[in-house]
C-alpha atoms as a PDB file:
ATOM      1  CA  MET A   1       0.000   0.000   0.000  1.00  0.00           C
ATOM      2  CA  ILE A   2       1.186   3.501  -0.889  1.00  0.00           C
ATOM      3  CA  GLU A   3      -0.134   6.727   0.640  1.00  0.00           C
ATOM      4  CA  LYS A   4       0.665  10.246  -0.480  1.00  0.00           C
ATOM      5  CA  ASN A   5      -0.547  13.612   0.798  1.00  0.00           C
ATOM      6  CA  TYR A   6      -1.294  16.627  -1.364  1.00  0.00           C
ATOM      7  CA  LYS A   7      -2.410  20.198  -0.804  1.00  0.00           C
ATOM      8  CA  VAL A   8      -5.048  21.376  -3.280  1.00  0.00           C
ATOM      9  CA  THR A   9      -3.664  24.551  -4.873  1.00  0.00           C
ATOM     10  CA  SER A  10      -6.277  25.082  -7.578  1.00  0.00           C
ATOM     11  CA  ASN A  11      -8.351  28.204  -6.779  1.00  0.00           C
ATOM     12  CA  GLU A  12     -11.559  26.294  -7.517  1.00  0.00           C
ATOM     13  CA  GLY A  13     -10.600  23.277  -5.428  1.00  0.00           C
ATOM     14  CA  LEU A  14     -11.322  19.805  -6.743  1.00  0.00           C
ATOM     15  CA  HIS A  15     -14.341  20.690  -8.894  1.00  0.00           C
ATOM     16  CA  ALA A  16     -15.854  18.733 -11.818  1.00  0.00           C
ATOM     17  CA  ARG A  17     -13.134  19.083 -14.474  1.00  0.00           C
ATOM     18  CA  PRO A  18     -10.079  18.189 -12.364  1.00  0.00           C
ATOM     19  CA  SER A  19     -12.063  15.465 -10.616  1.00  0.00           C
ATOM     20  CA  SER A  20     -12.971  13.862 -13.946  1.00  0.00           C
ATOM     21  CA  VAL A  21      -9.348  14.111 -15.129  1.00  0.00           C
ATOM     22  CA  LEU A  22      -8.173  12.285 -11.984  1.00  0.00           C
ATOM     23  CA  VAL A  23     -10.891   9.620 -12.208  1.00  0.00           C
ATOM     24  CA  SER A  24     -10.100   9.010 -15.892  1.00  0.00           C
ATOM     25  CA  ALA A  25      -6.381   8.722 -15.126  1.00  0.00           C
ATOM     26  CA  VAL A  26      -6.781   6.030 -12.442  1.00  0.00           C
ATOM     27  CA  THR A  27      -9.640   3.974 -13.928  1.00  0.00           C
ATOM     28  CA  PRO A  28      -7.412   1.798 -16.207  1.00  0.00           C
ATOM     29  CA  PHE A  29      -5.384   0.530 -13.221  1.00  0.00           C
ATOM     30  CA  THR A  30      -6.344  -2.666 -11.375  1.00  0.00           C
ATOM     31  CA  SER A  31      -5.281  -1.453  -7.927  1.00  0.00           C
ATOM     32  CA  ASP A  32      -7.774  -0.037  -5.463  1.00  0.00           C
ATOM     33  CA  VAL A  33      -7.352   3.702  -5.061  1.00  0.00           C
ATOM     34  CA  LYS A  34      -8.999   5.889  -2.446  1.00  0.00           C
ATOM     35  CA  LEU A  35      -9.144   9.604  -1.769  1.00  0.00           C
ATOM     36  CA  ALA A  36      -9.326  10.671   1.878  1.00  0.00           C
ATOM     37  CA  TYR A  37     -10.460  14.114   3.039  1.00  0.00           C
ATOM     38  CA  MET A  38     -11.683  15.235   6.461  1.00  0.00           C
ATOM     39  CA  GLU A  39     -12.350  11.798   7.980  1.00  0.00           C
ATOM     40  CA  LYS A  40     -14.095  10.564   4.786  1.00  0.00           C
ATOM     41  CA  THR A  41     -12.692   8.153   2.224  1.00  0.00           C
ATOM     42  CA  VAL A  42     -14.097   7.518  -1.253  1.00  0.00           C
ATOM     43  CA  ASN A  43     -13.155   5.438  -4.275  1.00  0.00           C
ATOM     44  CA  LEU A  44     -11.059   7.660  -6.582  1.00  0.00           C
ATOM     45  CA  LYS A  45     -12.489   5.754  -9.556  1.00  0.00           C
ATOM     46  CA  SER A  46     -15.945   7.213  -8.755  1.00  0.00           C
ATOM     47  CA  ILE A  47     -16.619  10.757  -9.978  1.00  0.00           C
ATOM     48  CA  MET A  48     -19.698  10.971  -7.746  1.00  0.00           C
ATOM     49  CA  GLY A  49     -17.670   9.892  -4.730  1.00  0.00           C
ATOM     50  CA  VAL A  50     -14.970  12.478  -5.382  1.00  0.00           C
ATOM     51  CA  MET A  51     -17.473  15.274  -6.018  1.00  0.00           C
ATOM     52  CA  SER A  52     -19.408  14.371  -2.846  1.00  0.00           C
ATOM     53  CA  LEU A  53     -16.432  15.455  -0.720  1.00  0.00           C
ATOM     54  CA  GLY A  54     -16.655  19.107  -1.798  1.00  0.00           C
ATOM     55  CA  ILE A  55     -12.888  19.623  -1.653  1.00  0.00           C
ATOM     56  CA  SER A  56     -11.975  23.316  -1.657  1.00  0.00           C
ATOM     57  CA  ALA A  57      -8.763  25.241  -2.355  1.00  0.00           C
ATOM     58  CA  GLY A  58      -6.124  24.788   0.325  1.00  0.00           C
ATOM     59  CA  ALA A  59      -7.498  21.412   1.437  1.00  0.00           C
ATOM     60  CA  ASP A  60      -5.176  18.603   2.471  1.00  0.00           C
ATOM     61  CA  ILE A  61      -6.031  15.301   0.789  1.00  0.00           C
ATOM     62  CA  LYS A  62      -4.539  11.816   0.867  1.00  0.00           C
ATOM     63  CA  ILE A  63      -4.416   9.332  -2.005  1.00  0.00           C
ATOM     64  CA  ILE A  64      -4.125   5.660  -1.021  1.00  0.00           C
ATOM     65  CA  ALA A  65      -3.299   2.981  -3.605  1.00  0.00           C
ATOM     66  CA  ASP A  66      -3.234  -0.754  -2.925  1.00  0.00           C
ATOM     67  CA  GLY A  67      -2.671  -3.512  -5.459  1.00  0.00           C
ATOM     68  CA  GLU A  68      -0.427  -4.988  -8.125  1.00  0.00           C
ATOM     69  CA  ASP A  69       0.141  -1.763 -10.079  1.00  0.00           C
ATOM     70  CA  GLU A  70       0.008   0.650  -7.145  1.00  0.00           C
ATOM     71  CA  GLU A  71       3.379   2.248  -7.927  1.00  0.00           C
ATOM     72  CA  ALA A  72       2.453   3.023 -11.547  1.00  0.00           C
ATOM     73  CA  LEU A  73      -0.964   4.256 -10.415  1.00  0.00           C
ATOM     74  CA  MET A  74       0.538   6.596  -7.838  1.00  0.00           C
ATOM     75  CA  ALA A  75       3.062   7.905 -10.384  1.00  0.00           C
ATOM     76  CA  LYS A  76       0.151   8.721 -12.716  1.00  0.00           C
ATOM     77  CA  VAL A  77      -1.786  10.457  -9.906  1.00  0.00           C
ATOM     78  CA  ASP A  78       1.288  12.513  -9.047  1.00  0.00           C
ATOM     79  CA  GLU A  79       1.788  13.476 -12.702  1.00  0.00           C
ATOM     80  CA  VAL A  80      -1.862  14.501 -13.195  1.00  0.00           C
ATOM     81  CA  ILE A  81      -2.131  16.482  -9.947  1.00  0.00           C
ATOM     82  CA  LYS A  82       0.974  18.495 -10.804  1.00  0.00           C
ATOM     83  CA  SER A  83       0.510  18.888 -14.575  1.00  0.00           C
ATOM     84  CA  GLU A  84      -3.148  19.937 -14.230  1.00  0.00           C
ATOM     85  CA  GLY A  85      -2.344  22.461 -11.484  1.00  0.00           C
ATOM     86  CA  ILE A  86      -4.602  20.657  -9.014  1.00  0.00           C
ATOM     87  CA  GLY A  87      -2.133  20.483  -6.154  1.00  0.00           C
ATOM     88  CA  GLU A  88       1.353  19.886  -4.895  1.00  0.00           C
END
């Protein structure tokens, strides 16, 4: 299992477009991947789950990957979060 923390730097927070980009990026992987925010954890492969958290700018989030391709999955998450200006 791999866990990584990020701070959301996008002014709009994790709204529909960046959420869908993240979900699309992780869906092809076989590993389980979760997004944790304020005591709640959702499946990062579920756009509705991600949107239900209402993550705003400046929020601290955690991505948790567990499975056979967890390292590749986490590398992709890291790439998307930074290249899309979602967080750091």
